[in-house]
Amino acid sequence: MATEPPASSPAGPRTPRLLWTFGLFRSELVTVFRRWRTLALFAVLAGVPLLVGVAVRIETRNGGSLGGGGGPDGNGNGPAFIEQVSNNGLFLTFAALAATLPFFLPMAIGVIAGDSIAGEASGGTLRYLLVAPAGRTRLLLAKYASVLAFCLAATLVVAVSALIVGFALFPVGDVTLLSGTTISLSDGMLRCLLIAVLVAASLVGIGALGLFISTLTDSGIGAMAATVGLLITVQIIDNIPQLHAFQPYLFPHYWLSFADILRDPVTWTGIAKNLGLQALYAAVFGSAAWARFTTRDVTA
């Protein structure tokens, strides 16, 4: 009596799908990071700490002091931590992240996210990316994952550039926290890494928003311009005192909460609010992008 062939394991068909999904994500990463536009954005981001460091070095070369420095909440006249840079080069990392977070970093994310879908449509390659077995959902997830990877890479570019410049131009040693506690340089480096990760996580919301805008148009330039324009508008609203009731719901409102990592003990309230708000924006606009992209008529 012939025996029936054993039923295929559920893991069987899943393995090729997982491999295809990973391959799609890897292809998106290569596409994003090999573009000249991406390399130019990295060069601009790496140049900001160099400019800040050289400016501080020139200002303090004869024993002068920096005036008008902003406080750790970033609401002063200058970038946060700028007054501490001349005493400890590690603070250039915090100053550079605080200086780039309001505009340069989110602008770079807006360019990459805004071009993710619309750029393919304007280039006439979107139809070819949707052939089986890719699927729209997996393609959208791969696009967003590549945007998140760029968020982390862009933040690390700023942090590493600031570390190199800070160590080259200024003395480096034990770190005096905002609360007055002194910690070792190695502990300060660990907090620096944690801050970089938190800054990258702060860009999750603008990444999802840019991805959603990218699904609304076939113009890559239009999507990038709309995302950056919306970023500027929200930043202006977040600084108008009369609109304080709406500001806690704006995605950049808690961006500079990473300064609480430099306290002893660490105050997690603002950081938790920031991460929760970014997760909310990612869920809402990520779902909106999926709903739009899976139902739109792709002709390009």
C-alpha atoms as a PDB file:
ATOM      1  CA  MET A   1       0.000   0.000   0.000  1.00  0.00           C
ATOM      2  CA  ALA A   2       1.451   3.315  -1.033  1.00  0.00           C
ATOM      3  CA  THR A   3       2.039   5.776   1.724  1.00  0.00           C
ATOM      4  CA  GLU A   4       1.134   9.418   1.416  1.00  0.00           C
ATOM      5  CA  PRO A   5       4.042  11.815   1.246  1.00  0.00           C
ATOM      6  CA  PRO A   6       4.614  13.673   4.477  1.00  0.00           C
ATOM      7  CA  ALA A   7       3.005  17.054   4.745  1.00  0.00           C
ATOM      8  CA  SER A   8       5.358  19.900   4.085  1.00  0.00           C
ATOM      9  CA  SER A   9       6.612  21.653   7.149  1.00  0.00           C
ATOM     10  CA  PRO A  10       5.228  25.131   7.742  1.00  0.00           C
ATOM     11  CA  ALA A  11       8.823  26.316   7.945  1.00  0.00           C
ATOM     12  CA  GLY A  12       9.424  25.199   4.359  1.00  0.00           C
ATOM     13  CA  PRO A  13       7.694  27.973   2.440  1.00  0.00           C
ATOM     14  CA  ARG A  14       8.573  30.535   5.073  1.00  0.00           C
ATOM     15  CA  THR A  15      12.316  30.188   4.605  1.00  0.00           C
ATOM     16  CA  PRO A  16      12.331  31.404   0.971  1.00  0.00           C
ATOM     17  CA  ARG A  17       9.995  34.241   1.932  1.00  0.00           C
ATOM     18  CA  LEU A  18      12.295  35.314   4.762  1.00  0.00           C
ATOM     19  CA  LEU A  19      15.302  35.080   2.468  1.00  0.00           C
ATOM     20  CA  TRP A  20      13.485  37.126  -0.172  1.00  0.00           C
ATOM     21  CA  THR A  21      12.479  39.738   2.410  1.00  0.00           C
ATOM     22  CA  PHE A  22      16.055  39.969   3.671  1.00  0.00           C
ATOM     23  CA  GLY A  23      17.321  40.208   0.114  1.00  0.00           C
ATOM     24  CA  LEU A  24      14.841  42.985  -0.632  1.00  0.00           C
ATOM     25  CA  PHE A  25      15.945  44.893   2.468  1.00  0.00           C
ATOM     26  CA  ARG A  26      19.600  44.435   1.556  1.00  0.00           C
ATOM     27  CA  SER A  27      18.879  45.696  -1.963  1.00  0.00           C
ATOM     28  CA  GLU A  28      17.159  48.780  -0.549  1.00  0.00           C
ATOM     29  CA  LEU A  29      20.110  49.455   1.764  1.00  0.00           C
ATOM     30  CA  VAL A  30      22.555  49.246  -1.120  1.00  0.00           C
ATOM     31  CA  THR A  31      20.361  51.539  -3.214  1.00  0.00           C
ATOM     32  CA  VAL A  32      20.054  54.159  -0.469  1.00  0.00           C
ATOM     33  CA  PHE A  33      23.652  54.191   0.715  1.00  0.00           C
ATOM     34  CA  ARG A  34      25.250  54.176  -2.749  1.00  0.00           C
ATOM     35  CA  ARG A  35      23.467  57.276  -3.990  1.00  0.00           C
ATOM     36  CA  TRP A  36      25.541  60.431  -4.342  1.00  0.00           C
ATOM     37  CA  ARG A  37      22.773  62.333  -2.573  1.00  0.00           C
ATOM     38  CA  THR A  38      23.163  60.129   0.500  1.00  0.00           C
ATOM     39  CA  LEU A  39      26.931  60.566   0.522  1.00  0.00           C
ATOM     40  CA  ALA A  40      26.478  64.331   0.206  1.00  0.00           C
ATOM     41  CA  LEU A  41      24.102  64.331   3.190  1.00  0.00           C
ATOM     42  CA  PHE A  42      26.650  62.365   5.226  1.00  0.00           C
ATOM     43  CA  ALA A  43      29.352  64.887   4.269  1.00  0.00           C
ATOM     44  CA  VAL A  44      27.184  67.810   5.413  1.00  0.00           C
ATOM     45  CA  LEU A  45      26.332  66.080   8.695  1.00  0.00           C
ATOM     46  CA  ALA A  46      29.981  65.231   9.343  1.00  0.00           C
ATOM     47  CA  GLY A  47      30.960  68.820   8.615  1.00  0.00           C
ATOM     48  CA  VAL A  48      28.721  70.345  11.294  1.00  0.00           C
ATOM     49  CA  PRO A  49      30.795  69.076  14.271  1.00  0.00           C
ATOM     50  CA  LEU A  50      33.971  70.174  12.499  1.00  0.00           C
ATOM     51  CA  LEU A  51      32.633  73.710  12.058  1.00  0.00           C
ATOM     52  CA  VAL A  52      31.405  73.878  15.657  1.00  0.00           C
ATOM     53  CA  GLY A  53      34.681  72.519  17.015  1.00  0.00           C
ATOM     54  CA  VAL A  54      36.856  74.880  14.991  1.00  0.00           C
ATOM     55  CA  ALA A  55      34.671  77.844  15.966  1.00  0.00           C
ATOM     56  CA  VAL A  56      34.914  76.993  19.663  1.00  0.00           C
ATOM     57  CA  ARG A  57      38.666  76.436  19.365  1.00  0.00           C
ATOM     58  CA  ILE A  58      39.199  79.833  17.733  1.00  0.00           C
ATOM     59  CA  GLU A  59      36.952  81.569  20.279  1.00  0.00           C
ATOM     60  CA  THR A  60      38.785  80.074  23.262  1.00  0.00           C
ATOM     61  CA  ARG A  61      42.353  79.887  21.955  1.00  0.00           C
ATOM     62  CA  ASN A  62      43.528  82.868  24.068  1.00  0.00           C
ATOM     63  CA  GLY A  63      41.683  81.865  27.189  1.00  0.00           C
ATOM     64  CA  GLY A  64      38.446  83.516  26.095  1.00  0.00           C
ATOM     65  CA  SER A  65      35.045  82.205  27.060  1.00  0.00           C
ATOM     66  CA  LEU A  66      31.954  81.463  25.062  1.00  0.00           C
ATOM     67  CA  GLY A  67      29.052  83.786  25.663  1.00  0.00           C
ATOM     68  CA  GLY A  68      25.368  83.156  25.114  1.00  0.00           C
ATOM     69  CA  GLY A  69      25.590  79.399  25.271  1.00  0.00           C
ATOM     70  CA  GLY A  70      22.331  77.532  25.425  1.00  0.00           C
ATOM     71  CA  GLY A  71      21.321  75.464  28.380  1.00  0.00           C
ATOM     72  CA  PRO A  72      20.995  71.706  28.277  1.00  0.00           C
ATOM     73  CA  ASP A  73      17.376  71.988  27.257  1.00  0.00           C
ATOM     74  CA  GLY A  74      18.450  73.669  24.040  1.00  0.00           C
ATOM     75  CA  ASN A  75      16.412  76.810  24.648  1.00  0.00           C
ATOM     76  CA  GLY A  76      19.301  79.246  24.997  1.00  0.00           C
ATOM     77  CA  ASN A  77      20.981  81.356  22.373  1.00  0.00           C
ATOM     78  CA  GLY A  78      23.483  78.692  21.362  1.00  0.00           C
ATOM     79  CA  PRO A  79      23.636  74.935  20.956  1.00  0.00           C
ATOM     80  CA  ALA A  80      23.298  72.940  24.141  1.00  0.00           C
ATOM     81  CA  PHE A  81      26.552  71.997  25.970  1.00  0.00           C
ATOM     82  CA  ILE A  82      28.580  74.434  23.848  1.00  0.00           C
ATOM     83  CA  GLU A  83      30.130  76.102  26.895  1.00  0.00           C
ATOM     84  CA  GLN A  84      31.527  72.789  28.185  1.00  0.00           C
ATOM     85  CA  VAL A  85      33.270  71.830  24.918  1.00  0.00           C
ATOM     86  CA  SER A  86      36.497  73.718  25.640  1.00  0.00           C
ATOM     87  CA  ASN A  87      36.861  71.880  28.973  1.00  0.00           C
ATOM     88  CA  ASN A  88      36.109  68.399  27.665  1.00  0.00           C
ATOM     89  CA  GLY A  89      36.086  67.428  23.992  1.00  0.00           C
ATOM     90  CA  LEU A  90      33.499  64.714  24.634  1.00  0.00           C
ATOM     91  CA  PHE A  91      30.892  67.444  25.046  1.00  0.00           C
ATOM     92  CA  LEU A  92      31.322  68.323  21.384  1.00  0.00           C
ATOM     93  CA  THR A  93      29.366  65.148  20.631  1.00  0.00           C
ATOM     94  CA  PHE A  94      26.431  66.323  22.719  1.00  0.00           C
ATOM     95  CA  ALA A  95      26.661  69.848  21.300  1.00  0.00           C
ATOM     96  CA  ALA A  96      26.781  68.549  17.706  1.00  0.00           C
ATOM     97  CA  LEU A  97      23.787  66.264  18.203  1.00  0.00           C
ATOM     98  CA  ALA A  98      21.844  69.107  19.822  1.00  0.00           C
ATOM     99  CA  ALA A  99      22.796  71.426  16.953  1.00  0.00           C
ATOM    100  CA  THR A 100      21.885  68.997  14.152  1.00  0.00           C
ATOM    101  CA  LEU A 101      18.748  67.478  15.679  1.00  0.00           C
ATOM    102  CA  PRO A 102      16.385  70.442  15.181  1.00  0.00           C
ATOM    103  CA  PHE A 103      17.015  70.695  11.423  1.00  0.00           C
ATOM    104  CA  PHE A 104      19.972  68.973   9.744  1.00  0.00           C
ATOM    105  CA  LEU A 105      19.277  65.398  10.846  1.00  0.00           C
ATOM    106  CA  PRO A 106      15.483  65.451  10.296  1.00  0.00           C
ATOM    107  CA  MET A 107      15.991  67.251   6.967  1.00  0.00           C
ATOM    108  CA  ALA A 108      18.273  64.430   5.823  1.00  0.00           C
ATOM    109  CA  ILE A 109      15.714  61.846   6.979  1.00  0.00           C
ATOM    110  CA  GLY A 110      12.955  63.782   5.204  1.00  0.00           C
ATOM    111  CA  VAL A 111      14.912  63.694   1.942  1.00  0.00           C
ATOM    112  CA  ILE A 112      15.509  59.947   2.120  1.00  0.00           C
ATOM    113  CA  ALA A 113      12.000  59.038   3.328  1.00  0.00           C
ATOM    114  CA  GLY A 114      10.239  61.425   0.957  1.00  0.00           C
ATOM    115  CA  ASP A 115      12.055  59.957  -2.028  1.00  0.00           C
ATOM    116  CA  SER A 116      11.580  56.311  -0.995  1.00  0.00           C
ATOM    117  CA  ILE A 117       8.358  55.596  -2.940  1.00  0.00           C
ATOM    118  CA  ALA A 118       7.824  58.758  -4.970  1.00  0.00           C
ATOM    119  CA  GLY A 119      11.360  58.574  -6.339  1.00  0.00           C
ATOM    120  CA  GLU A 120      10.737  55.078  -7.687  1.00  0.00           C
ATOM    121  CA  ALA A 121       7.461  56.236  -9.240  1.00  0.00           C
ATOM    122  CA  SER A 122       9.036  59.273 -10.896  1.00  0.00           C
ATOM    123  CA  GLY A 123      11.889  57.116 -12.171  1.00  0.00           C
ATOM    124  CA  GLY A 124       9.499  54.560 -13.660  1.00  0.00           C
ATOM    125  CA  THR A 125      10.885  51.654 -11.600  1.00  0.00           C
ATOM    126  CA  LEU A 126       8.079  51.189  -9.062  1.00  0.00           C
ATOM    127  CA  ARG A 127       6.090  48.755 -11.217  1.00  0.00           C
ATOM    128  CA  TYR A 128       9.089  46.477 -11.602  1.00  0.00           C
ATOM    129  CA  LEU A 129       9.653  46.386  -7.833  1.00  0.00           C
ATOM    130  CA  LEU A 130       6.091  45.169  -7.283  1.00  0.00           C
ATOM    131  CA  VAL A 131       6.370  41.993  -9.350  1.00  0.00           C
ATOM    132  CA  ALA A 132       5.936  38.703  -7.463  1.00  0.00           C
ATOM    133  CA  PRO A 133       7.119  37.594  -5.035  1.00  0.00           C
ATOM    134  CA  ALA A 134       7.895  41.038  -3.628  1.00  0.00           C
ATOM    135  CA  GLY A 135       4.441  42.347  -2.791  1.00  0.00           C
ATOM    136  CA  ARG A 136       3.545  45.848  -1.731  1.00  0.00           C
ATOM    137  CA  THR A 137       3.584  45.261   2.015  1.00  0.00           C
ATOM    138  CA  ARG A 138       7.050  43.747   2.051  1.00  0.00           C
ATOM    139  CA  LEU A 139       8.363  46.432  -0.271  1.00  0.00           C
ATOM    140  CA  LEU A 140       6.981  49.155   1.986  1.00  0.00           C
ATOM    141  CA  LEU A 141       8.485  47.480   5.067  1.00  0.00           C
ATOM    142  CA  ALA A 142      11.846  47.207   3.317  1.00  0.00           C
ATOM    143  CA  LYS A 143      11.669  50.889   2.368  1.00  0.00           C
ATOM    144  CA  TYR A 144      10.874  51.936   5.938  1.00  0.00           C
ATOM    145  CA  ALA A 145      13.557  49.644   7.377  1.00  0.00           C
ATOM    146  CA  SER A 146      16.113  51.280   5.075  1.00  0.00           C
ATOM    147  CA  VAL A 147      14.940  54.713   6.284  1.00  0.00           C
ATOM    148  CA  LEU A 148      15.443  53.597   9.899  1.00  0.00           C
ATOM    149  CA  ALA A 149      18.899  52.290   9.026  1.00  0.00           C
ATOM    150  CA  PHE A 150      19.716  55.689   7.555  1.00  0.00           C
ATOM    151  CA  CYS A 151      18.469  57.361  10.760  1.00  0.00           C
ATOM    152  CA  LEU A 152      20.978  55.373  12.782  1.00  0.00           C
ATOM    153  CA  ALA A 153      23.792  55.809  10.269  1.00  0.00           C
ATOM    154  CA  ALA A 154      23.260  59.584   9.998  1.00  0.00           C
ATOM    155  CA  THR A 155      23.266  59.971  13.778  1.00  0.00           C
ATOM    156  CA  LEU A 156      26.439  57.921  14.119  1.00  0.00           C
ATOM    157  CA  VAL A 157      28.130  60.012  11.422  1.00  0.00           C
ATOM    158  CA  VAL A 158      27.509  63.134  13.503  1.00  0.00           C
ATOM    159  CA  ALA A 159      28.581  61.444  16.749  1.00  0.00           C
ATOM    160  CA  VAL A 160      31.769  59.879  15.349  1.00  0.00           C
ATOM    161  CA  SER A 161      32.775  63.085  13.565  1.00  0.00           C
ATOM    162  CA  ALA A 162      32.243  65.047  16.791  1.00  0.00           C
ATOM    163  CA  LEU A 163      34.281  62.522  18.783  1.00  0.00           C
ATOM    164  CA  ILE A 164      37.209  62.741  16.374  1.00  0.00           C
ATOM    165  CA  VAL A 165      37.173  66.545  16.276  1.00  0.00           C
ATOM    166  CA  GLY A 166      36.607  66.848  20.030  1.00  0.00           C
ATOM    167  CA  PHE A 167      39.484  64.513  20.881  1.00  0.00           C
ATOM    168  CA  ALA A 168      41.754  66.297  18.395  1.00  0.00           C
ATOM    169  CA  LEU A 169      41.085  69.896  19.438  1.00  0.00           C
ATOM    170  CA  PHE A 170      40.234  69.799  23.150  1.00  0.00           C
ATOM    171  CA  PRO A 171      41.338  68.102  26.367  1.00  0.00           C
ATOM    172  CA  VAL A 172      39.459  64.925  27.226  1.00  0.00           C
ATOM    173  CA  GLY A 173      39.007  63.344  30.634  1.00  0.00           C
ATOM    174  CA  ASP A 174      36.469  62.601  33.321  1.00  0.00           C
ATOM    175  CA  VAL A 175      33.011  63.933  32.553  1.00  0.00           C
ATOM    176  CA  THR A 176      31.126  66.257  34.884  1.00  0.00           C
ATOM    177  CA  LEU A 177      27.415  65.634  34.421  1.00  0.00           C
ATOM    178  CA  LEU A 178      24.717  68.294  34.427  1.00  0.00           C
ATOM    179  CA  SER A 179      23.855  67.271  37.976  1.00  0.00           C
ATOM    180  CA  GLY A 180      27.453  67.906  39.132  1.00  0.00           C
ATOM    181  CA  THR A 181      28.500  64.262  39.454  1.00  0.00           C
ATOM    182  CA  THR A 182      31.827  63.287  37.890  1.00  0.00           C
ATOM    183  CA  ILE A 183      32.058  59.999  35.982  1.00  0.00           C
ATOM    184  CA  SER A 184      34.907  58.293  34.161  1.00  0.00           C
ATOM    185  CA  LEU A 185      35.590  58.842  30.472  1.00  0.00           C
ATOM    186  CA  SER A 186      34.561  55.258  29.657  1.00  0.00           C
ATOM    187  CA  ASP A 187      31.213  55.778  31.391  1.00  0.00           C
ATOM    188  CA  GLY A 188      30.835  59.038  29.499  1.00  0.00           C
ATOM    189  CA  MET A 189      31.476  57.225  26.217  1.00  0.00           C
ATOM    190  CA  LEU A 190      28.754  54.691  27.047  1.00  0.00           C
ATOM    191  CA  ARG A 191      26.314  57.504  27.745  1.00  0.00           C
ATOM    192  CA  CYS A 192      27.385  59.102  24.492  1.00  0.00           C
ATOM    193  CA  LEU A 193      26.473  55.896  22.624  1.00  0.00           C
ATOM    194  CA  LEU A 194      23.123  55.708  24.403  1.00  0.00           C
ATOM    195  CA  ILE A 195      22.402  59.330  23.470  1.00  0.00           C
ATOM    196  CA  ALA A 196      23.210  58.601  19.819  1.00  0.00           C
ATOM    197  CA  VAL A 197      20.738  55.697  19.831  1.00  0.00           C
ATOM    198  CA  LEU A 198      18.074  57.889  21.449  1.00  0.00           C
ATOM    199  CA  VAL A 199      18.617  60.617  18.856  1.00  0.00           C
ATOM    200  CA  ALA A 200      18.234  58.041  16.075  1.00  0.00           C
ATOM    201  CA  ALA A 201      15.028  56.785  17.712  1.00  0.00           C
ATOM    202  CA  SER A 202      13.770  60.382  17.833  1.00  0.00           C
ATOM    203  CA  LEU A 203      13.747  60.402  14.025  1.00  0.00           C
ATOM    204  CA  VAL A 204      11.419  57.416  13.676  1.00  0.00           C
ATOM    205  CA  GLY A 205       8.335  59.641  13.553  1.00  0.00           C
ATOM    206  CA  ILE A 206       9.573  61.977  10.805  1.00  0.00           C
ATOM    207  CA  GLY A 207      10.691  58.897   8.865  1.00  0.00           C
ATOM    208  CA  ALA A 208       7.173  57.423   8.926  1.00  0.00           C
ATOM    209  CA  LEU A 209       5.655  60.793   8.060  1.00  0.00           C
ATOM    210  CA  GLY A 210       7.995  61.188   5.084  1.00  0.00           C
ATOM    211  CA  LEU A 211       7.192  57.660   3.910  1.00  0.00           C
ATOM    212  CA  PHE A 212       3.470  58.433   4.014  1.00  0.00           C
ATOM    213  CA  ILE A 213       3.933  61.645   2.032  1.00  0.00           C
ATOM    214  CA  SER A 214       6.000  59.682  -0.464  1.00  0.00           C
ATOM    215  CA  THR A 215       3.025  57.406  -1.174  1.00  0.00           C
ATOM    216  CA  LEU A 216       0.793  60.380  -2.024  1.00  0.00           C
ATOM    217  CA  THR A 217       2.674  61.595  -5.076  1.00  0.00           C
ATOM    218  CA  ASP A 218       4.712  60.414  -8.051  1.00  0.00           C
ATOM    219  CA  SER A 219       7.162  63.295  -7.709  1.00  0.00           C
ATOM    220  CA  GLY A 220      10.235  62.531  -5.622  1.00  0.00           C
ATOM    221  CA  ILE A 221      11.243  66.186  -5.420  1.00  0.00           C
ATOM    222  CA  GLY A 222       7.713  67.155  -4.421  1.00  0.00           C
ATOM    223  CA  ALA A 223       7.635  64.548  -1.641  1.00  0.00           C
ATOM    224  CA  MET A 224      11.013  65.659  -0.297  1.00  0.00           C
ATOM    225  CA  ALA A 225      10.005  69.323  -0.389  1.00  0.00           C
ATOM    226  CA  ALA A 226       6.677  68.613   1.321  1.00  0.00           C
ATOM    227  CA  THR A 227       8.350  66.605   4.093  1.00  0.00           C
ATOM    228  CA  VAL A 228      11.013  69.238   4.768  1.00  0.00           C
ATOM    229  CA  GLY A 229       8.417  72.018   4.567  1.00  0.00           C
ATOM    230  CA  LEU A 230       6.196  70.228   7.069  1.00  0.00           C
ATOM    231  CA  LEU A 231       9.203  69.765   9.348  1.00  0.00           C
ATOM    232  CA  ILE A 232       9.944  73.491   9.303  1.00  0.00           C
ATOM    233  CA  THR A 233       6.292  74.342   9.932  1.00  0.00           C
ATOM    234  CA  VAL A 234       6.039  72.001  12.909  1.00  0.00           C
ATOM    235  CA  GLN A 235       9.284  73.397  14.342  1.00  0.00           C
ATOM    236  CA  ILE A 236       7.871  76.921  14.133  1.00  0.00           C
ATOM    237  CA  ILE A 237       4.629  75.865  15.831  1.00  0.00           C
ATOM    238  CA  ASP A 238       6.616  74.132  18.565  1.00  0.00           C
ATOM    239  CA  ASN A 239       8.271  77.458  19.432  1.00  0.00           C
ATOM    240  CA  ILE A 240       5.157  79.648  19.590  1.00  0.00           C
ATOM    241  CA  PRO A 241       4.220  80.081  23.280  1.00  0.00           C
ATOM    242  CA  GLN A 242       0.552  80.682  22.497  1.00  0.00           C
ATOM    243  CA  LEU A 243       0.275  77.163  21.041  1.00  0.00           C
ATOM    244  CA  HIS A 244       1.656  75.382  24.098  1.00  0.00           C
ATOM    245  CA  ALA A 245      -1.463  73.206  24.378  1.00  0.00           C
ATOM    246  CA  PHE A 246      -0.646  71.480  21.076  1.00  0.00           C
ATOM    247  CA  GLN A 247       3.121  71.294  21.414  1.00  0.00           C
ATOM    248  CA  PRO A 248       3.371  68.078  23.515  1.00  0.00           C
ATOM    249  CA  TYR A 249       1.765  66.225  20.583  1.00  0.00           C
ATOM    250  CA  LEU A 250       4.268  67.446  17.993  1.00  0.00           C
ATOM    251  CA  PHE A 251       6.961  64.947  17.042  1.00  0.00           C
ATOM    252  CA  PRO A 252       9.962  67.267  17.729  1.00  0.00           C
ATOM    253  CA  HIS A 253       8.739  68.499  21.117  1.00  0.00           C
ATOM    254  CA  TYR A 254      10.802  66.076  23.248  1.00  0.00           C
ATOM    255  CA  TRP A 255      13.769  65.672  20.907  1.00  0.00           C
ATOM    256  CA  LEU A 256      16.271  67.278  23.295  1.00  0.00           C
ATOM    257  CA  SER A 257      15.191  65.101  26.222  1.00  0.00           C
ATOM    258  CA  PHE A 258      18.365  63.071  25.603  1.00  0.00           C
ATOM    259  CA  ALA A 259      20.120  65.638  27.833  1.00  0.00           C
ATOM    260  CA  ASP A 260      18.611  63.817  30.820  1.00  0.00           C
ATOM    261  CA  ILE A 261      21.069  60.980  30.180  1.00  0.00           C
ATOM    262  CA  LEU A 262      23.726  63.371  31.494  1.00  0.00           C
ATOM    263  CA  ARG A 263      22.139  63.546  34.925  1.00  0.00           C
ATOM    264  CA  ASP A 264      22.704  61.384  37.986  1.00  0.00           C
ATOM    265  CA  PRO A 265      20.317  59.732  38.448  1.00  0.00           C
ATOM    266  CA  VAL A 266      18.980  59.694  34.898  1.00  0.00           C
ATOM    267  CA  THR A 267      15.561  61.289  34.514  1.00  0.00           C
ATOM    268  CA  TRP A 268      13.561  59.038  32.191  1.00  0.00           C
ATOM    269  CA  THR A 269      10.246  60.941  32.049  1.00  0.00           C
ATOM    270  CA  GLY A 270      11.003  63.129  29.027  1.00  0.00           C
ATOM    271  CA  ILE A 271      12.824  60.293  27.255  1.00  0.00           C
ATOM    272  CA  ALA A 272       9.850  57.946  27.720  1.00  0.00           C
ATOM    273  CA  LYS A 273       7.464  60.610  26.397  1.00  0.00           C
ATOM    274  CA  ASN A 274       9.678  61.128  23.361  1.00  0.00           C
ATOM    275  CA  LEU A 275       9.933  57.425  22.545  1.00  0.00           C
ATOM    276  CA  GLY A 276       6.214  56.924  23.066  1.00  0.00           C
ATOM    277  CA  LEU A 277       5.387  59.860  20.790  1.00  0.00           C
ATOM    278  CA  GLN A 278       7.722  58.577  18.068  1.00  0.00           C
ATOM    279  CA  ALA A 279       6.141  55.120  18.297  1.00  0.00           C
ATOM    280  CA  LEU A 280       2.693  56.701  17.963  1.00  0.00           C
ATOM    281  CA  TYR A 281       3.688  58.669  14.862  1.00  0.00           C
ATOM    282  CA  ALA A 282       5.325  55.583  13.367  1.00  0.00           C
ATOM    283  CA  ALA A 283       2.177  53.506  13.977  1.00  0.00           C
ATOM    284  CA  VAL A 284      -0.267  56.123  12.657  1.00  0.00           C
ATOM    285  CA  PHE A 285       1.619  57.284   9.580  1.00  0.00           C
ATOM    286  CA  GLY A 286       3.098  53.850   8.906  1.00  0.00           C
ATOM    287  CA  SER A 287      -0.453  52.448   8.799  1.00  0.00           C
ATOM    288  CA  ALA A 288      -1.577  55.359   6.629  1.00  0.00           C
ATOM    289  CA  ALA A 289       1.317  54.722   4.233  1.00  0.00           C
ATOM    290  CA  TRP A 290       0.405  51.013   4.058  1.00  0.00           C
ATOM    291  CA  ALA A 291      -3.277  51.782   3.430  1.00  0.00           C
ATOM    292  CA  ARG A 292      -2.403  54.229   0.686  1.00  0.00           C
ATOM    293  CA  PHE A 293       0.321  52.187  -0.973  1.00  0.00           C
ATOM    294  CA  THR A 294      -1.593  48.893  -1.035  1.00  0.00           C
ATOM    295  CA  THR A 295      -4.603  50.478  -2.723  1.00  0.00           C
ATOM    296  CA  ARG A 296      -3.063  53.008  -5.124  1.00  0.00           C
ATOM    297  CA  ASP A 297      -2.984  52.423  -8.857  1.00  0.00           C
ATOM    298  CA  VAL A 298       0.679  52.131  -9.788  1.00  0.00           C
ATOM    299  CA  THR A 299       1.257  53.138 -13.393  1.00  0.00           C
ATOM    300  CA  ALA A 300       4.967  54.011 -13.266  1.00  0.00           C
END
